[in-house]
Amino acid sequence: MNQTTTTEYKHILVDEHNVPFIEGSSMKIVELVTSVHAYGWSPEELHFQYPHLSMSQIYSALAYYWEHKEEIDADMKRRFDYAERLRKEAGESPLAKRLRTQGLIK
């Protein structure tokens, strides 16, 4: 059974691994904030991209982020570093090699 803890932020819960997420969804705060950092999305654009989230949920998640910025930014960096390590370990794909030899990509 999953254990969750409420927070002082409406719509925001913390799971048994101390990961904050948006109540009623599987969206983690770090995932939502990654979209803001990667694409520069406004709250309205986040709502357009994630229509299952209400504006209230989105603003609450962003407020939670600003109050916990250091730890969530560290989590984003950890996730990026992990993905980058996996990408390097996997090496270049056969498709990318073909495209590179054909001069279609750099």
N, C-alpha and C. Protein backbone atom coordinates (compact mmCIF):
# COMPACT_ATOMS: atom_id res chain seq x y z
N MET A 1 0.84 -1.19 0.00
CA MET A 1 0.00 0.00 0.00
C MET A 1 0.88 1.25 0.00
N ASN A 2 0.58 2.16 -0.89
CA ASN A 2 1.35 3.39 -0.99
C ASN A 2 0.96 4.35 0.12
N GLN A 3 1.96 4.91 0.75
CA GLN A 3 1.75 5.90 1.80
C GLN A 3 1.97 7.28 1.20
N THR A 4 1.05 8.18 1.46
CA THR A 4 1.23 9.57 1.03
C THR A 4 1.04 10.49 2.22
N THR A 5 1.68 11.63 2.12
CA THR A 5 1.60 12.64 3.17
C THR A 5 1.08 13.92 2.53
N THR A 6 0.19 14.58 3.24
CA THR A 6 -0.31 15.86 2.74
C THR A 6 0.74 16.94 2.98
N THR A 7 0.61 18.03 2.26
CA THR A 7 1.49 19.18 2.44
C THR A 7 0.61 20.39 2.73
N GLU A 8 1.22 21.52 2.99
CA GLU A 8 0.45 22.74 3.20
C GLU A 8 -0.07 23.31 1.89
N TYR A 9 0.31 22.69 0.77
CA TYR A 9 -0.11 23.14 -0.55
C TYR A 9 -1.29 22.29 -1.02
N LYS A 10 -2.37 22.97 -1.38
CA LYS A 10 -3.54 22.28 -1.92
C LYS A 10 -3.11 21.51 -3.16
N HIS A 11 -3.56 20.30 -3.31
CA HIS A 11 -3.31 19.42 -4.46
C HIS A 11 -1.94 18.75 -4.44
N ILE A 12 -1.09 19.03 -3.49
CA ILE A 12 0.26 18.46 -3.50
C ILE A 12 0.40 17.45 -2.37
N LEU A 13 0.81 16.25 -2.75
CA LEU A 13 1.08 15.18 -1.79
C LEU A 13 2.54 14.77 -1.95
N VAL A 14 3.06 14.07 -0.94
CA VAL A 14 4.42 13.53 -0.99
C VAL A 14 4.30 12.03 -0.81
N ASP A 15 4.95 11.26 -1.69
CA ASP A 15 4.84 9.80 -1.61
C ASP A 15 5.81 9.23 -0.58
N GLU A 16 5.82 7.89 -0.49
CA GLU A 16 6.64 7.22 0.51
C GLU A 16 8.14 7.39 0.26
N HIS A 17 8.52 7.84 -0.93
CA HIS A 17 9.92 8.09 -1.25
C HIS A 17 10.26 9.58 -1.13
N ASN A 18 9.34 10.33 -0.53
CA ASN A 18 9.50 11.77 -0.32
C ASN A 18 9.50 12.56 -1.64
N VAL A 19 8.78 12.03 -2.64
CA VAL A 19 8.68 12.69 -3.94
C VAL A 19 7.32 13.40 -4.01
N PRO A 20 7.33 14.73 -4.19
CA PRO A 20 6.07 15.46 -4.28
C PRO A 20 5.41 15.26 -5.65
N PHE A 21 4.09 15.09 -5.62
CA PHE A 21 3.33 14.92 -6.86
C PHE A 21 1.99 15.60 -6.73
N ILE A 22 1.30 15.73 -7.86
CA ILE A 22 0.02 16.42 -7.89
C ILE A 22 -1.09 15.42 -7.61
N GLU A 23 -1.86 15.70 -6.59
CA GLU A 23 -2.95 14.82 -6.18
C GLU A 23 -3.92 14.58 -7.34
N GLY A 24 -4.37 13.34 -7.48
CA GLY A 24 -5.30 12.99 -8.54
C GLY A 24 -4.63 12.73 -9.88
N SER A 25 -3.31 12.70 -9.87
CA SER A 25 -2.55 12.43 -11.09
C SER A 25 -1.29 11.65 -10.71
N SER A 26 -0.54 11.27 -11.72
CA SER A 26 0.76 10.65 -11.47
C SER A 26 1.90 11.64 -11.75
N MET A 27 1.54 12.90 -11.99
CA MET A 27 2.51 13.94 -12.35
C MET A 27 3.32 14.38 -11.13
N LYS A 28 4.63 14.17 -11.22
CA LYS A 28 5.53 14.63 -10.16
C LYS A 28 5.83 16.11 -10.40
N ILE A 29 6.07 16.83 -9.31
CA ILE A 29 6.40 18.26 -9.42
C ILE A 29 7.63 18.44 -10.30
N VAL A 30 8.63 17.59 -10.12
CA VAL A 30 9.86 17.71 -10.90
C VAL A 30 9.58 17.56 -12.39
N GLU A 31 8.63 16.74 -12.78
CA GLU A 31 8.30 16.56 -14.20
C GLU A 31 7.64 17.82 -14.76
N LEU A 32 6.74 18.40 -13.99
CA LEU A 32 6.07 19.62 -14.44
C LEU A 32 7.08 20.76 -14.59
N VAL A 33 7.95 20.90 -13.60
CA VAL A 33 8.94 21.98 -13.62
C VAL A 33 9.97 21.76 -14.73
N THR A 34 10.28 20.51 -15.03
CA THR A 34 11.18 20.22 -16.14
C THR A 34 10.61 20.77 -17.45
N SER A 35 9.30 20.66 -17.62
CA SER A 35 8.64 21.22 -18.82
C SER A 35 8.80 22.74 -18.87
N VAL A 36 8.71 23.38 -17.73
CA VAL A 36 8.90 24.84 -17.67
C VAL A 36 10.33 25.19 -18.08
N HIS A 37 11.30 24.47 -17.52
CA HIS A 37 12.71 24.76 -17.83
C HIS A 37 13.06 24.40 -19.27
N ALA A 38 12.58 23.27 -19.76
CA ALA A 38 12.95 22.80 -21.10
C ALA A 38 12.30 23.62 -22.21
N TYR A 39 11.03 23.98 -22.01
CA TYR A 39 10.27 24.61 -23.09
C TYR A 39 9.86 26.05 -22.80
N GLY A 40 10.08 26.51 -21.57
CA GLY A 40 9.67 27.87 -21.22
C GLY A 40 8.17 28.04 -21.13
N TRP A 41 7.46 26.95 -20.83
CA TRP A 41 6.00 26.99 -20.81
C TRP A 41 5.46 27.81 -19.64
N SER A 42 4.47 28.60 -19.92
CA SER A 42 3.73 29.35 -18.91
C SER A 42 2.73 28.41 -18.24
N PRO A 43 2.13 28.83 -17.13
CA PRO A 43 1.08 27.99 -16.52
C PRO A 43 -0.05 27.66 -17.50
N GLU A 44 -0.41 28.63 -18.34
CA GLU A 44 -1.47 28.39 -19.32
C GLU A 44 -1.05 27.34 -20.34
N GLU A 45 0.20 27.40 -20.78
CA GLU A 45 0.70 26.40 -21.73
C GLU A 45 0.80 25.03 -21.07
N LEU A 46 1.20 25.01 -19.80
CA LEU A 46 1.22 23.74 -19.07
C LEU A 46 -0.17 23.12 -19.06
N HIS A 47 -1.18 23.95 -18.83
CA HIS A 47 -2.56 23.45 -18.82
C HIS A 47 -2.97 22.93 -20.19
N PHE A 48 -2.54 23.61 -21.24
CA PHE A 48 -2.83 23.16 -22.60
C PHE A 48 -2.16 21.81 -22.88
N GLN A 49 -0.91 21.68 -22.45
CA GLN A 49 -0.15 20.45 -22.69
C GLN A 49 -0.58 19.30 -21.78
N TYR A 50 -1.03 19.64 -20.58
CA TYR A 50 -1.46 18.64 -19.60
C TYR A 50 -2.90 18.96 -19.19
N PRO A 51 -3.86 18.74 -20.09
CA PRO A 51 -5.25 19.15 -19.82
C PRO A 51 -5.90 18.41 -18.65
N HIS A 52 -5.29 17.32 -18.22
CA HIS A 52 -5.83 16.60 -17.06
C HIS A 52 -5.53 17.33 -15.74
N LEU A 53 -4.67 18.35 -15.80
CA LEU A 53 -4.36 19.15 -14.61
C LEU A 53 -5.16 20.44 -14.65
N SER A 54 -5.69 20.83 -13.51
CA SER A 54 -6.40 22.10 -13.43
C SER A 54 -5.39 23.23 -13.24
N MET A 55 -5.81 24.45 -13.51
CA MET A 55 -4.94 25.59 -13.28
C MET A 55 -4.58 25.69 -11.80
N SER A 56 -5.51 25.36 -10.94
CA SER A 56 -5.24 25.37 -9.50
C SER A 56 -4.13 24.38 -9.15
N GLN A 57 -4.18 23.19 -9.73
CA GLN A 57 -3.14 22.20 -9.48
C GLN A 57 -1.78 22.70 -9.98
N ILE A 58 -1.78 23.30 -11.15
CA ILE A 58 -0.53 23.79 -11.75
C ILE A 58 0.07 24.90 -10.90
N TYR A 59 -0.73 25.88 -10.52
CA TYR A 59 -0.21 26.98 -9.70
C TYR A 59 0.25 26.49 -8.33
N SER A 60 -0.45 25.53 -7.77
CA SER A 60 -0.03 24.97 -6.48
C SER A 60 1.31 24.25 -6.62
N ALA A 61 1.46 23.50 -7.71
CA ALA A 61 2.72 22.80 -7.96
C ALA A 61 3.87 23.78 -8.14
N LEU A 62 3.63 24.86 -8.87
CA LEU A 62 4.68 25.86 -9.07
C LEU A 62 5.02 26.58 -7.77
N ALA A 63 4.02 26.85 -6.95
CA ALA A 63 4.29 27.46 -5.64
C ALA A 63 5.13 26.52 -4.78
N TYR A 64 4.78 25.23 -4.82
CA TYR A 64 5.56 24.24 -4.07
C TYR A 64 7.01 24.24 -4.57
N TYR A 65 7.18 24.28 -5.87
CA TYR A 65 8.53 24.30 -6.45
C TYR A 65 9.33 25.48 -5.91
N TRP A 66 8.75 26.68 -5.93
CA TRP A 66 9.51 27.86 -5.51
C TRP A 66 9.89 27.79 -4.04
N GLU A 67 9.09 27.12 -3.24
CA GLU A 67 9.43 26.96 -1.82
C GLU A 67 10.45 25.84 -1.59
N HIS A 68 10.60 24.95 -2.57
CA HIS A 68 11.51 23.80 -2.44
C HIS A 68 12.46 23.74 -3.64
N LYS A 69 12.80 24.90 -4.16
CA LYS A 69 13.56 25.02 -5.41
C LYS A 69 14.88 24.27 -5.37
N GLU A 70 15.63 24.42 -4.32
CA GLU A 70 16.97 23.82 -4.25
C GLU A 70 16.90 22.30 -4.38
N GLU A 71 16.00 21.67 -3.64
CA GLU A 71 15.93 20.20 -3.69
C GLU A 71 15.33 19.70 -5.01
N ILE A 72 14.38 20.42 -5.57
CA ILE A 72 13.78 19.99 -6.84
C ILE A 72 14.76 20.23 -7.99
N ASP A 73 15.49 21.34 -7.96
CA ASP A 73 16.53 21.57 -8.97
C ASP A 73 17.60 20.49 -8.90
N ALA A 74 17.97 20.07 -7.69
CA ALA A 74 18.96 19.00 -7.53
C ALA A 74 18.42 17.69 -8.11
N ASP A 75 17.13 17.42 -7.91
CA ASP A 75 16.51 16.22 -8.47
C ASP A 75 16.52 16.29 -10.00
N MET A 76 16.20 17.46 -10.57
CA MET A 76 16.24 17.61 -12.03
C MET A 76 17.64 17.35 -12.56
N LYS A 77 18.65 17.89 -11.89
CA LYS A 77 20.03 17.69 -12.32
C LYS A 77 20.41 16.22 -12.23
N ARG A 78 20.01 15.56 -11.17
CA ARG A 78 20.31 14.14 -11.01
C ARG A 78 19.68 13.34 -12.15
N ARG A 79 18.43 13.64 -12.48
CA ARG A 79 17.74 12.94 -13.57
C ARG A 79 18.41 13.21 -14.92
N PHE A 80 18.79 14.46 -15.16
CA PHE A 80 19.46 14.81 -16.41
C PHE A 80 20.80 14.09 -16.52
N ASP A 81 21.58 14.10 -15.44
CA ASP A 81 22.89 13.44 -15.44
C ASP A 81 22.75 11.95 -15.69
N TYR A 82 21.73 11.33 -15.09
CA TYR A 82 21.48 9.90 -15.29
C TYR A 82 21.13 9.62 -16.75
N ALA A 83 20.25 10.42 -17.33
CA ALA A 83 19.86 10.23 -18.73
C ALA A 83 21.06 10.45 -19.66
N GLU A 84 21.87 11.44 -19.35
CA GLU A 84 23.06 11.73 -20.16
C GLU A 84 24.05 10.58 -20.09
N ARG A 85 24.23 10.01 -18.90
CA ARG A 85 25.13 8.87 -18.75
C ARG A 85 24.64 7.68 -19.57
N LEU A 86 23.33 7.40 -19.52
CA LEU A 86 22.76 6.30 -20.30
C LEU A 86 22.93 6.55 -21.80
N ARG A 87 22.75 7.80 -22.22
CA ARG A 87 22.91 8.13 -23.64
C ARG A 87 24.33 7.87 -24.10
N LYS A 88 25.30 8.26 -23.29
CA LYS A 88 26.70 8.05 -23.64
C LYS A 88 27.06 6.58 -23.65
N GLU A 89 26.53 5.83 -22.67
CA GLU A 89 26.80 4.39 -22.61
C GLU A 89 26.20 3.67 -23.81
N ALA A 90 25.06 4.12 -24.28
CA ALA A 90 24.39 3.47 -25.42
C ALA A 90 25.13 3.74 -26.72
N GLY A 91 25.83 4.85 -26.79
CA GLY A 91 26.55 5.18 -28.01
C GLY A 91 25.61 5.66 -29.10
N GLU A 92 26.20 5.89 -30.24
CA GLU A 92 25.44 6.42 -31.37
C GLU A 92 24.61 5.30 -32.01
N SER A 93 23.39 5.62 -32.35
CA SER A 93 22.51 4.62 -32.97
C SER A 93 22.93 4.38 -34.42
N PRO A 94 22.59 3.21 -34.96
CA PRO A 94 22.91 2.94 -36.37
C PRO A 94 22.30 3.98 -37.31
N LEU A 95 21.10 4.44 -37.02
CA LEU A 95 20.46 5.46 -37.85
C LEU A 95 21.28 6.75 -37.84
N ALA A 96 21.68 7.19 -36.66
CA ALA A 96 22.47 8.42 -36.55
C ALA A 96 23.79 8.27 -37.31
N LYS A 97 24.42 7.10 -37.22
CA LYS A 97 25.67 6.86 -37.95
C LYS A 97 25.45 7.00 -39.45
N ARG A 98 24.38 6.39 -39.96
CA ARG A 98 24.08 6.48 -41.40
C ARG A 98 23.83 7.92 -41.82
N LEU A 99 23.03 8.63 -41.04
CA LEU A 99 22.73 10.02 -41.37
C LEU A 99 23.98 10.88 -41.34
N ARG A 100 24.86 10.60 -40.39
CA ARG A 100 26.11 11.37 -40.27
C ARG A 100 27.01 11.10 -41.48
N THR A 101 27.13 9.85 -41.88
CA THR A 101 27.98 9.53 -43.04
C THR A 101 27.42 10.12 -44.33
N GLN A 102 26.11 10.31 -44.37
CA GLN A 102 25.48 10.92 -45.55
C GLN A 102 25.50 12.45 -45.47
N GLY A 103 26.04 12.98 -44.37
CA GLY A 103 26.12 14.42 -44.21
C GLY A 103 24.79 15.08 -43.88
N LEU A 104 23.83 14.29 -43.44
CA LEU A 104 22.50 14.84 -43.14
C LEU A 104 22.39 15.40 -41.73
N ILE A 105 23.30 14.97 -40.84
CA ILE A 105 23.36 15.54 -39.49
C ILE A 105 24.83 15.76 -39.15
N LYS A 106 25.06 16.60 -38.17
CA LYS A 106 26.44 16.87 -37.73
C LYS A 106 26.81 15.95 -36.60
